[in-house]
């Protein structure tokens, strides 16, 4: 009889170990959609983190407001000196807008790659082990957040949504080590120079802009922005500034190092871009180089730009 109970305990122990290993294996899979238990746990943890982070942000905001009040007088003087300049500029902008509307009416252009609806979000968690790769926001599917939405700050682009739960979402940053992470970009100079942000140089703390046509000129100080052609990131979001231009390993195309415009070490409030234009799968839509030009391009969304 004691031998029977001993074998029974051993069997229960083995079943428990197998179940635990299976659960760990399931949770480590690379998935875009979290399971129901994971959603419950993440939302619960996200709620607790919100309770801690929001008061902290509130207190930080108070100190920032006090500092802003101290600088109000000097700022007011500077603004007054620029009122006349602003009035002239506003007149020019209005003229350009009228002209632009007329041109759009002529070509019947109904979409603009720059258009997006901003959704404000707060960073509630950031794992120290993945500090340069991912962060958690307090907005989820209940707020209209979807996978592949672009995320930015007032300074520039920082990444995109890669996983959602009803009340939280996970952002993969541009500084990630994921080799399949791409952003379709354009260098803003006299001629549009297109390329792809592929990779991050940890030693230089800079992004790498690849696949630049070797016949086109790119120089230090040029601004790099999203092109809007990848189907995920809206057009015209600042990515950073070129610091160095060289050739790739094969000497066929140019390669540029880009200093990010956003400060990735200080991220608390961000903007999620809910794009109005139809998302499409480009040649790099699923983080591959497959040619998608002969496929239907409406109502589909790629996994990478």
Protein backbone atom coordinates (compact mmCIF):
# COMPACT_ATOMS: atom_id res chain seq x y z
CA UNK A 1 0.00 0.00 0.00
CA UNK A 2 2.77 2.56 0.79
CA UNK A 3 4.44 1.58 -2.50
CA UNK A 4 1.17 2.41 -4.35
CA UNK A 5 0.95 5.89 -2.82
CA UNK A 6 4.64 6.47 -3.58
CA UNK A 7 4.10 5.59 -7.27
CA UNK A 8 0.99 7.77 -7.38
CA UNK A 9 2.92 10.78 -6.09
CA UNK A 10 5.68 10.11 -8.63
CA UNK A 11 3.15 9.99 -11.48
CA UNK A 12 1.52 13.24 -10.33
CA UNK A 13 4.96 14.85 -10.14
CA UNK A 14 5.84 13.75 -13.70
CA UNK A 15 2.48 14.99 -15.05
CA UNK A 16 3.03 18.34 -13.32
CA UNK A 17 6.53 18.69 -14.80
CA UNK A 18 5.27 17.85 -18.32
CA UNK A 19 2.44 20.37 -17.97
CA UNK A 20 4.85 23.06 -16.75
CA UNK A 21 7.29 22.46 -19.65
CA UNK A 22 4.42 22.55 -22.15
CA UNK A 23 3.14 25.81 -20.64
CA UNK A 24 6.60 27.41 -20.78
CA UNK A 25 7.09 26.24 -24.39
CA UNK A 26 3.72 27.69 -25.37
CA UNK A 27 4.42 31.05 -23.73
CA UNK A 28 7.85 31.41 -25.40
CA UNK A 29 6.48 31.12 -28.94
CA UNK A 30 6.75 34.25 -31.11
CA UNK A 31 3.11 35.32 -31.40
CA UNK A 32 1.36 38.52 -32.31
CA UNK A 33 -1.85 37.67 -30.41
CA UNK A 34 -1.63 36.91 -26.69
CA UNK A 35 -3.67 34.02 -25.28
CA UNK A 36 -6.57 34.67 -22.91
CA UNK A 37 -4.54 33.87 -19.74
CA UNK A 38 -1.72 36.13 -21.01
CA UNK A 39 -4.21 38.91 -21.76
CA UNK A 40 -5.68 38.64 -18.26
CA UNK A 41 -2.22 38.64 -16.64
CA UNK A 42 -0.90 41.50 -18.82
CA UNK A 43 -4.01 43.61 -18.28
CA UNK A 44 -3.87 42.98 -14.53
CA UNK A 45 -0.18 43.85 -14.38
CA UNK A 46 -0.77 46.82 -16.68
CA UNK A 47 -3.51 48.11 -14.36
CA UNK A 48 -1.19 47.82 -11.36
CA UNK A 49 1.62 49.54 -13.24
CA UNK A 50 -0.80 52.31 -14.24
CA UNK A 51 -1.60 52.90 -10.57
CA UNK A 52 2.11 53.44 -9.94
CA UNK A 53 3.13 55.23 -13.15
CA UNK A 54 0.29 57.74 -13.43
CA UNK A 55 0.86 59.37 -10.01
CA UNK A 56 4.57 59.48 -10.82
CA UNK A 57 3.84 61.16 -14.16
CA UNK A 58 1.48 63.56 -12.37
CA UNK A 59 4.15 64.60 -9.85
CA UNK A 60 6.73 64.92 -12.63
CA UNK A 61 4.27 67.08 -14.55
CA UNK A 62 3.90 69.41 -11.56
CA UNK A 63 7.65 70.01 -11.42
CA UNK A 64 7.75 70.48 -15.19
CA UNK A 65 4.93 73.03 -14.97
CA UNK A 66 6.78 74.99 -12.28
CA UNK A 67 9.89 75.05 -14.44
CA UNK A 68 7.80 76.13 -17.43
CA UNK A 69 6.33 79.04 -15.46
CA UNK A 70 9.82 80.24 -14.58
CA UNK A 71 10.68 80.38 -18.27
CA UNK A 72 7.37 81.93 -19.40
CA UNK A 73 8.57 85.54 -19.31
CA UNK A 74 11.60 85.00 -21.56
CA UNK A 75 9.59 82.81 -23.89
CA UNK A 76 6.86 85.45 -24.12
CA UNK A 77 9.39 88.06 -25.20
CA UNK A 78 10.74 85.78 -27.92
CA UNK A 79 7.26 84.97 -29.17
CA UNK A 80 6.30 88.63 -29.41
CA UNK A 81 9.36 89.32 -31.53
CA UNK A 82 8.27 86.62 -33.95
CA UNK A 83 4.60 87.55 -34.27
CA UNK A 84 5.16 89.61 -37.38
CA UNK A 85 7.20 86.86 -38.98
CA UNK A 86 4.49 84.35 -38.09
CA UNK A 87 1.76 86.45 -39.69
CA UNK A 88 3.67 86.54 -42.98
CA UNK A 89 4.33 82.82 -42.80
CA UNK A 90 0.70 82.07 -42.05
CA UNK A 91 -0.35 83.98 -45.15
CA UNK A 92 2.05 81.95 -47.27
CA UNK A 93 0.80 78.69 -45.75
CA UNK A 94 -2.81 79.62 -46.49
CA UNK A 95 -1.92 80.41 -50.11
CA UNK A 96 -0.10 77.06 -50.43
CA UNK A 97 -3.04 75.20 -48.88
CA UNK A 98 -5.47 76.78 -51.35
CA UNK A 99 -3.17 75.92 -54.24
CA UNK A 100 -2.72 72.38 -52.92
CA UNK A 101 -6.49 71.86 -52.63
CA UNK A 102 -6.93 73.02 -56.23
CA UNK A 103 -4.26 70.63 -57.48
CA UNK A 104 -5.77 67.73 -55.53
CA UNK A 105 -9.18 68.50 -57.02
CA UNK A 106 -7.62 68.38 -60.49
CA UNK A 107 -5.96 64.99 -60.03
CA UNK A 108 -8.83 63.69 -57.84
CA UNK A 109 -6.43 62.51 -55.16
CA UNK A 110 -8.50 61.26 -52.24
CA UNK A 111 -5.75 59.87 -49.99
CA UNK A 112 -2.71 61.38 -48.38
CA UNK A 113 0.06 59.18 -47.01
CA UNK A 114 0.61 61.74 -44.24
CA UNK A 115 -2.91 61.50 -42.80
CA UNK A 116 -3.37 59.75 -39.45
CA UNK A 117 -5.45 60.09 -36.31
CA UNK A 118 -3.26 60.56 -33.20
CA UNK A 119 -4.01 58.48 -30.10
CA UNK A 120 -2.27 59.61 -26.91
CA UNK A 121 -0.73 56.89 -24.74
CA UNK A 122 1.41 56.61 -21.61
CA UNK A 123 4.33 54.24 -21.08
CA UNK A 124 3.46 52.06 -18.08
CA UNK A 125 6.25 49.47 -18.21
CA UNK A 126 9.68 48.92 -19.72
CA UNK A 127 11.60 45.71 -19.06
CA UNK A 128 15.26 46.44 -18.15
CA UNK A 129 16.29 43.30 -20.08
CA UNK A 130 14.66 44.69 -23.24
CA UNK A 131 15.13 48.41 -22.56
CA UNK A 132 16.26 49.18 -26.11
CA UNK A 133 13.70 46.89 -27.75
CA UNK A 134 10.20 47.02 -26.26
CA UNK A 135 7.85 48.95 -23.97
CA UNK A 136 4.24 48.66 -22.76
CA UNK A 137 1.52 51.31 -23.26
CA UNK A 138 -1.77 51.86 -21.41
CA UNK A 139 -3.89 51.72 -24.59
CA UNK A 140 -5.24 48.46 -26.09
CA UNK A 141 -7.78 47.08 -28.54
CA UNK A 142 -10.61 48.66 -26.52
CA UNK A 143 -9.12 52.04 -27.51
CA UNK A 144 -8.84 51.12 -31.21
CA UNK A 145 -5.17 50.04 -31.12
CA UNK A 146 -4.09 47.44 -33.68
CA UNK A 147 -0.89 45.60 -34.55
CA UNK A 148 1.49 47.52 -36.88
CA UNK A 149 0.30 51.01 -35.90
CA UNK A 150 3.21 53.47 -35.86
CA UNK A 151 4.30 55.01 -32.55
CA UNK A 152 6.08 58.36 -32.23
CA UNK A 153 6.88 61.17 -29.83
CA UNK A 154 6.82 64.90 -30.48
CA UNK A 155 10.46 64.54 -31.58
CA UNK A 156 10.15 61.67 -34.04
CA UNK A 157 9.38 58.02 -34.79
CA UNK A 158 10.16 55.40 -32.11
CA UNK A 159 8.58 52.14 -33.33
CA UNK A 160 5.35 50.23 -33.99
CA UNK A 161 2.75 48.13 -32.17
CA UNK A 162 3.57 44.40 -32.26
CA UNK A 163 1.10 42.94 -29.73
CA UNK A 164 -2.17 44.06 -28.16
CA UNK A 165 -4.50 43.12 -25.32
CA UNK A 166 -7.83 44.80 -24.54
CA UNK A 167 -6.19 47.40 -22.30
CA UNK A 168 -2.46 47.40 -23.12
CA UNK A 169 -0.20 47.23 -26.16
CA UNK A 170 3.45 46.35 -26.76
CA UNK A 171 5.76 48.52 -28.88
CA UNK A 172 8.87 47.27 -30.67
CA UNK A 173 11.35 50.14 -30.88
CA UNK A 174 13.51 51.15 -33.84
CA UNK A 175 16.55 50.25 -31.69
CA UNK A 176 15.53 46.57 -31.58
CA UNK A 177 17.94 43.80 -32.52
CA UNK A 178 15.26 42.15 -34.69
CA UNK A 179 16.96 41.64 -38.11
CA UNK A 180 13.59 41.63 -39.92
CA UNK A 181 12.56 45.08 -38.66
CA UNK A 182 12.47 47.58 -41.55
CA UNK A 183 11.22 51.11 -42.09
CA UNK A 184 10.79 52.60 -45.56
CA UNK A 185 12.55 55.99 -45.38
CA UNK A 186 13.46 58.96 -47.53
CA UNK A 187 16.33 61.44 -47.20
CA UNK A 188 15.00 64.98 -47.37
CA UNK A 189 17.26 66.92 -49.73
CA UNK A 190 16.91 68.40 -53.23
CA UNK A 191 16.26 64.96 -54.68
CA UNK A 192 14.25 62.30 -52.88
CA UNK A 193 16.62 59.51 -51.88
CA UNK A 194 14.88 56.35 -50.72
CA UNK A 195 16.25 53.64 -48.48
CA UNK A 196 15.39 51.24 -45.67
CA UNK A 197 16.15 51.59 -41.97
CA UNK A 198 17.56 48.15 -41.20
CA UNK A 199 19.31 47.59 -37.90
CA UNK A 200 20.81 49.56 -35.05
CA UNK A 201 24.51 50.11 -34.35
CA UNK A 202 24.88 49.71 -30.59
CA UNK A 203 28.40 51.14 -30.52
CA UNK A 204 27.40 54.35 -32.31
CA UNK A 205 23.85 54.38 -30.86
CA UNK A 206 22.59 55.12 -34.35
CA UNK A 207 20.18 53.61 -36.86
CA UNK A 208 21.45 52.19 -40.16
CA UNK A 209 19.92 53.37 -43.44
CA UNK A 210 20.65 50.82 -46.20
CA UNK A 211 19.93 50.27 -49.91
CA UNK A 212 20.66 53.84 -50.98
CA UNK A 213 21.26 54.27 -54.72
CA UNK A 214 24.99 54.85 -55.12
CA UNK A 215 24.38 57.44 -57.86
CA UNK A 216 22.44 59.72 -55.50
CA UNK A 217 24.03 62.20 -53.11
CA UNK A 218 23.51 61.92 -49.37
CA UNK A 219 25.50 64.07 -46.96
CA UNK A 220 25.98 64.55 -43.25
CA UNK A 221 23.20 66.62 -41.71
CA UNK A 222 20.44 65.47 -44.10
CA UNK A 223 17.13 64.71 -42.39
CA UNK A 224 15.67 61.22 -42.72
CA UNK A 225 11.87 60.79 -42.66
CA UNK A 226 9.33 58.03 -43.22
CA UNK A 227 8.38 57.69 -46.90
CA UNK A 228 4.88 56.33 -46.28
CA UNK A 229 5.40 53.73 -49.02
CA UNK A 230 5.71 50.66 -46.79
CA UNK A 231 2.04 50.67 -45.85
CA UNK A 232 2.53 51.03 -42.08
CA UNK A 233 4.24 54.28 -41.14
CA UNK A 234 2.60 57.57 -42.26
CA UNK A 235 4.64 59.78 -44.54
CA UNK A 236 6.74 62.62 -43.20
CA UNK A 237 7.53 61.48 -39.63
CA UNK A 238 11.06 62.51 -38.70
CA UNK A 239 13.37 59.57 -37.98
CA UNK A 240 16.70 61.32 -37.49
CA UNK A 241 19.73 62.99 -39.04
CA UNK A 242 22.52 61.52 -41.15
CA UNK A 243 25.88 61.52 -39.36
CA UNK A 244 28.00 59.42 -41.72
CA UNK A 245 27.75 58.05 -45.28
CA UNK A 246 29.68 55.05 -46.58
CA UNK A 247 29.24 52.07 -48.93
CA UNK A 248 27.86 48.67 -48.06
CA UNK A 249 29.99 45.53 -47.80
CA UNK A 250 29.68 44.85 -51.53
CA UNK A 251 30.19 48.41 -52.73
CA UNK A 252 26.97 48.37 -54.75
CA UNK A 253 24.84 50.72 -52.67
CA UNK A 254 25.40 53.41 -50.07
CA UNK A 255 24.87 53.07 -46.34
CA UNK A 256 24.22 55.89 -43.87
CA UNK A 257 24.24 56.15 -40.09
CA UNK A 258 21.28 58.08 -38.68
CA UNK A 259 21.13 59.68 -35.25
CA UNK A 260 17.55 59.18 -33.97
CA UNK A 261 15.51 62.34 -33.44
CA UNK A 262 13.62 60.82 -30.49
CA UNK A 263 15.24 60.28 -27.11
CA UNK A 264 14.76 56.55 -26.49
CA UNK A 265 16.09 56.71 -22.93
CA UNK A 266 13.30 59.09 -21.80
CA UNK A 267 9.97 57.78 -23.07
CA UNK A 268 6.85 58.46 -20.99
CA UNK A 269 4.16 59.93 -23.26
CA UNK A 270 3.84 58.79 -26.90
CA UNK A 271 1.48 59.14 -29.86
CA UNK A 272 0.03 56.15 -31.71
CA UNK A 273 -0.69 56.93 -35.38
CA UNK A 274 -3.98 55.45 -36.55
CA UNK A 275 -3.41 55.77 -40.26
CA UNK A 276 -6.30 56.84 -42.48
CA UNK A 277 -4.85 55.53 -45.75
CA UNK A 278 -5.30 51.87 -46.65
CA UNK A 279 -2.45 49.71 -45.39
CA UNK A 280 -0.76 47.55 -48.00
CA UNK A 281 1.81 44.80 -48.22
CA UNK A 282 4.88 46.23 -49.95
CA UNK A 283 7.90 44.25 -51.07
CA UNK A 284 8.96 44.12 -47.43
CA UNK A 285 5.43 43.78 -45.99
CA UNK A 286 6.11 40.56 -44.08
CA UNK A 287 9.72 41.29 -43.23
CA UNK A 288 10.83 39.52 -46.42
CA UNK A 289 11.96 40.53 -49.88
CA UNK A 290 9.17 38.74 -51.74
CA UNK A 291 7.72 40.62 -54.71
CA UNK A 292 4.12 41.60 -54.00
CA UNK A 293 3.56 43.81 -57.06
CA UNK A 294 1.18 41.36 -58.77
CA UNK A 295 -0.97 40.80 -55.67
CA UNK A 296 -4.07 42.67 -54.53
CA UNK A 297 -2.99 45.59 -52.36
CA UNK A 298 -6.21 46.66 -50.63
CA UNK A 299 -7.40 45.79 -47.12
CA UNK A 300 -4.21 43.96 -46.10
CA UNK A 301 -1.62 44.81 -43.51
CA UNK A 302 2.02 43.68 -43.42
CA UNK A 303 4.03 42.65 -40.36
CA UNK A 304 6.97 44.92 -41.08
CA UNK A 305 7.73 47.89 -43.19
